[in-house]
Amino acid sequence: MFNLCKNTCTCFVDSWFGTDISICCLKHDIKYETQYKSKEVADEELFNCIRKRTNIALASVMWLGVRVGGYIAGWNKYKKESR
C-alpha cells in the first residue's frame, strides 16, 4: 500500500503534474537534520524551490505545512538530538 508520509516530501506528493519537487524536499530535510541556519531560512528556501518548479499556490501550501508541521515533526526532533 502507498504511504504518502514515507516518501521524500513527507506527507505530500513528490511531483506536481509531472514536475518533480522531491529535490526541494530532500534539501529541506537535510537542512532540518543539520540545523542549517534557522528553521525560518530552511522553510523559506523550500518555498522558493517549490515556487520556481511549480507555482506560488503550491509553494504557499508547502510553506504553511512546514511552518506548522515542521515544529512537530522535524525541527524539535533534530534540535533535541543535537544536544
N, C-alpha and C. Protein backbone atom coordinates (compact mmCIF):
# COMPACT_ATOMS: atom_id res chain seq x y z
N MET A 1 0.84 -1.19 0.00
CA MET A 1 0.00 0.00 0.00
C MET A 1 0.88 1.25 0.00
N PHE A 2 0.47 2.25 -0.76
CA PHE A 2 1.22 3.50 -0.87
C PHE A 2 1.08 4.32 0.41
N ASN A 3 2.20 4.74 0.98
CA ASN A 3 2.18 5.55 2.19
C ASN A 3 2.76 6.92 1.88
N LEU A 4 1.93 7.91 1.81
CA LEU A 4 2.32 9.27 1.44
C LEU A 4 3.30 9.88 2.44
N CYS A 5 3.26 9.44 3.68
CA CYS A 5 4.14 10.02 4.71
C CYS A 5 5.50 9.35 4.75
N LYS A 6 5.78 8.43 3.85
CA LYS A 6 7.09 7.77 3.82
C LYS A 6 7.88 8.13 2.56
N ASN A 7 7.39 9.06 1.76
CA ASN A 7 8.10 9.46 0.55
C ASN A 7 9.04 10.62 0.87
N THR A 8 9.69 11.19 -0.14
CA THR A 8 10.66 12.27 0.08
C THR A 8 9.98 13.51 0.64
N CYS A 9 8.87 13.92 0.06
CA CYS A 9 8.12 15.07 0.56
C CYS A 9 7.12 14.56 1.60
N THR A 10 7.57 14.45 2.82
CA THR A 10 6.81 13.83 3.89
C THR A 10 5.36 14.30 3.93
N CYS A 11 4.46 13.35 3.80
CA CYS A 11 3.01 13.59 3.84
C CYS A 11 2.54 14.54 2.74
N PHE A 12 3.26 14.56 1.64
CA PHE A 12 2.86 15.36 0.48
C PHE A 12 3.36 14.65 -0.77
N VAL A 13 2.95 15.07 -1.93
CA VAL A 13 3.35 14.44 -3.18
C VAL A 13 4.80 14.79 -3.53
N ASP A 14 5.49 13.89 -4.24
CA ASP A 14 6.86 14.13 -4.69
C ASP A 14 6.91 14.83 -6.05
N SER A 15 5.78 14.86 -6.72
CA SER A 15 5.73 15.57 -8.02
C SER A 15 4.36 16.23 -8.15
N TRP A 16 4.33 17.28 -8.97
CA TRP A 16 3.11 18.05 -9.17
C TRP A 16 2.87 18.19 -10.66
N PHE A 17 1.88 17.49 -11.15
CA PHE A 17 1.55 17.49 -12.58
C PHE A 17 2.79 17.22 -13.43
N GLY A 18 3.54 16.19 -13.04
CA GLY A 18 4.71 15.77 -13.80
C GLY A 18 6.00 16.48 -13.47
N THR A 19 5.98 17.47 -12.60
CA THR A 19 7.19 18.19 -12.21
C THR A 19 7.68 17.65 -10.88
N ASP A 20 8.90 17.11 -10.88
CA ASP A 20 9.48 16.54 -9.67
C ASP A 20 9.86 17.66 -8.69
N ILE A 21 9.34 17.58 -7.49
CA ILE A 21 9.68 18.55 -6.45
C ILE A 21 10.43 17.88 -5.29
N SER A 22 10.73 16.60 -5.45
CA SER A 22 11.34 15.85 -4.35
C SER A 22 12.72 16.40 -3.97
N ILE A 23 13.46 16.96 -4.92
CA ILE A 23 14.78 17.51 -4.60
C ILE A 23 14.64 18.68 -3.63
N CYS A 24 13.58 19.46 -3.78
CA CYS A 24 13.33 20.58 -2.84
C CYS A 24 13.10 20.03 -1.44
N CYS A 25 12.32 18.96 -1.35
CA CYS A 25 12.01 18.36 -0.05
C CYS A 25 13.24 17.71 0.56
N LEU A 26 14.04 17.05 -0.26
CA LEU A 26 15.26 16.41 0.23
C LEU A 26 16.21 17.45 0.81
N LYS A 27 16.42 18.53 0.08
CA LYS A 27 17.29 19.61 0.57
C LYS A 27 16.74 20.19 1.87
N HIS A 28 15.43 20.35 1.96
CA HIS A 28 14.79 20.88 3.16
C HIS A 28 15.00 19.93 4.34
N ASP A 29 14.83 18.64 4.11
CA ASP A 29 15.05 17.66 5.18
C ASP A 29 16.49 17.70 5.68
N ILE A 30 17.44 17.82 4.77
CA ILE A 30 18.85 17.89 5.16
C ILE A 30 19.10 19.14 6.00
N LYS A 31 18.48 20.24 5.62
CA LYS A 31 18.64 21.48 6.39
C LYS A 31 18.07 21.34 7.79
N TYR A 32 16.98 20.61 7.94
CA TYR A 32 16.43 20.35 9.28
C TYR A 32 17.40 19.47 10.07
N GLU A 33 17.89 18.42 9.44
CA GLU A 33 18.78 17.48 10.13
C GLU A 33 20.07 18.13 10.59
N THR A 34 20.58 19.05 9.81
CA THR A 34 21.86 19.68 10.14
C THR A 34 21.69 21.00 10.88
N GLN A 35 20.44 21.37 11.16
CA GLN A 35 20.14 22.64 11.84
C GLN A 35 20.73 23.81 11.05
N TYR A 36 20.60 23.75 9.73
CA TYR A 36 21.06 24.77 8.80
C TYR A 36 20.48 26.13 9.16
N LYS A 37 21.32 27.05 9.51
CA LYS A 37 20.93 28.43 9.85
C LYS A 37 19.74 28.44 10.81
N SER A 38 18.53 28.52 10.30
CA SER A 38 17.33 28.52 11.15
C SER A 38 16.20 27.82 10.41
N LYS A 39 15.18 27.45 11.16
CA LYS A 39 14.01 26.82 10.57
C LYS A 39 13.37 27.76 9.56
N GLU A 40 13.32 29.04 9.90
CA GLU A 40 12.70 30.02 9.02
C GLU A 40 13.42 30.08 7.67
N VAL A 41 14.76 30.09 7.69
CA VAL A 41 15.54 30.14 6.45
C VAL A 41 15.32 28.86 5.65
N ALA A 42 15.36 27.70 6.31
CA ALA A 42 15.14 26.43 5.61
C ALA A 42 13.76 26.40 4.96
N ASP A 43 12.75 26.86 5.68
CA ASP A 43 11.39 26.86 5.14
C ASP A 43 11.23 27.85 3.99
N GLU A 44 11.88 29.00 4.10
CA GLU A 44 11.82 29.99 3.01
C GLU A 44 12.50 29.45 1.76
N GLU A 45 13.60 28.75 1.93
CA GLU A 45 14.29 28.17 0.77
C GLU A 45 13.47 27.06 0.13
N LEU A 46 12.74 26.29 0.93
CA LEU A 46 11.82 25.29 0.37
C LEU A 46 10.76 25.99 -0.46
N PHE A 47 10.16 27.05 0.08
CA PHE A 47 9.15 27.83 -0.63
C PHE A 47 9.68 28.28 -2.00
N ASN A 48 10.88 28.86 -2.00
CA ASN A 48 11.45 29.37 -3.25
C ASN A 48 11.73 28.26 -4.24
N CYS A 49 12.20 27.12 -3.76
CA CYS A 49 12.49 25.99 -4.63
C CYS A 49 11.20 25.46 -5.28
N ILE A 50 10.16 25.28 -4.47
CA ILE A 50 8.87 24.79 -4.98
C ILE A 50 8.27 25.80 -5.95
N ARG A 51 8.34 27.08 -5.62
CA ARG A 51 7.78 28.14 -6.48
C ARG A 51 8.46 28.15 -7.85
N LYS A 52 9.77 28.00 -7.87
CA LYS A 52 10.50 28.00 -9.14
C LYS A 52 10.10 26.82 -10.01
N ARG A 53 9.79 25.69 -9.39
CA ARG A 53 9.47 24.48 -10.16
C ARG A 53 7.98 24.37 -10.51
N THR A 54 7.12 24.99 -9.69
CA THR A 54 5.68 24.85 -9.93
C THR A 54 5.01 26.23 -9.96
N ASN A 55 4.43 26.63 -8.85
CA ASN A 55 3.73 27.91 -8.79
C ASN A 55 3.64 28.41 -7.35
N ILE A 56 3.23 29.63 -7.19
CA ILE A 56 3.19 30.24 -5.86
C ILE A 56 2.12 29.60 -4.98
N ALA A 57 1.04 29.10 -5.56
CA ALA A 57 -0.02 28.47 -4.76
C ALA A 57 0.49 27.21 -4.08
N LEU A 58 1.13 26.33 -4.83
CA LEU A 58 1.67 25.10 -4.24
C LEU A 58 2.77 25.43 -3.25
N ALA A 59 3.62 26.38 -3.58
CA ALA A 59 4.70 26.78 -2.68
C ALA A 59 4.13 27.30 -1.36
N SER A 60 3.05 28.02 -1.43
CA SER A 60 2.41 28.56 -0.22
C SER A 60 1.83 27.45 0.65
N VAL A 61 1.22 26.47 0.01
CA VAL A 61 0.67 25.32 0.74
C VAL A 61 1.79 24.55 1.43
N MET A 62 2.87 24.30 0.70
CA MET A 62 4.02 23.58 1.27
C MET A 62 4.63 24.39 2.42
N TRP A 63 4.79 25.69 2.23
CA TRP A 63 5.37 26.54 3.27
C TRP A 63 4.52 26.49 4.54
N LEU A 64 3.22 26.61 4.39
CA LEU A 64 2.33 26.57 5.55
C LEU A 64 2.44 25.22 6.26
N GLY A 65 2.51 24.16 5.49
CA GLY A 65 2.65 22.82 6.07
C GLY A 65 3.92 22.65 6.88
N VAL A 66 5.04 23.15 6.37
CA VAL A 66 6.30 23.01 7.12
C VAL A 66 6.39 23.99 8.27
N ARG A 67 5.75 25.13 8.15
CA ARG A 67 5.77 26.08 9.27
C ARG A 67 5.03 25.49 10.47
N VAL A 68 3.89 24.86 10.21
CA VAL A 68 3.10 24.26 11.28
C VAL A 68 3.64 22.87 11.64
N GLY A 69 3.72 22.01 10.67
CA GLY A 69 4.13 20.62 10.91
C GLY A 69 5.60 20.44 11.19
N GLY A 70 6.42 21.34 10.71
CA GLY A 70 7.86 21.22 10.90
C GLY A 70 8.28 21.26 12.35
N TYR A 71 7.60 22.06 13.12
CA TYR A 71 7.93 22.13 14.55
C TYR A 71 7.61 20.80 15.22
N ILE A 72 6.51 20.20 14.83
CA ILE A 72 6.07 18.95 15.44
C ILE A 72 6.93 17.78 14.96
N ALA A 73 7.12 17.69 13.65
CA ALA A 73 7.75 16.51 13.07
C ALA A 73 9.26 16.57 12.94
N GLY A 74 9.81 17.74 12.74
CA GLY A 74 11.21 17.78 12.38
C GLY A 74 12.13 18.60 13.24
N TRP A 75 11.92 19.88 13.23
CA TRP A 75 12.91 20.78 13.82
C TRP A 75 13.19 20.45 15.28
N ASN A 76 12.16 20.28 16.09
CA ASN A 76 12.36 19.99 17.51
C ASN A 76 13.03 18.64 17.72
N LYS A 77 12.71 17.66 16.89
CA LYS A 77 13.33 16.33 17.00
C LYS A 77 14.84 16.45 16.78
N TYR A 78 15.23 17.12 15.74
CA TYR A 78 16.66 17.25 15.43
C TYR A 78 17.36 18.14 16.44
N LYS A 79 16.65 19.13 16.93
CA LYS A 79 17.24 20.03 17.92
C LYS A 79 17.56 19.26 19.20
N LYS A 80 16.67 18.38 19.63
CA LYS A 80 16.88 17.57 20.82
C LYS A 80 18.04 16.59 20.63
N GLU A 81 18.13 15.99 19.42
CA GLU A 81 19.18 15.01 19.15
C GLU A 81 20.56 15.64 19.13
N SER A 82 20.64 16.92 18.80
CA SER A 82 21.94 17.58 18.66
C SER A 82 22.50 18.05 20.01
N ARG A 83 21.73 17.95 21.05
CA ARG A 83 22.19 18.40 22.38
C ARG A 83 23.11 17.41 23.01
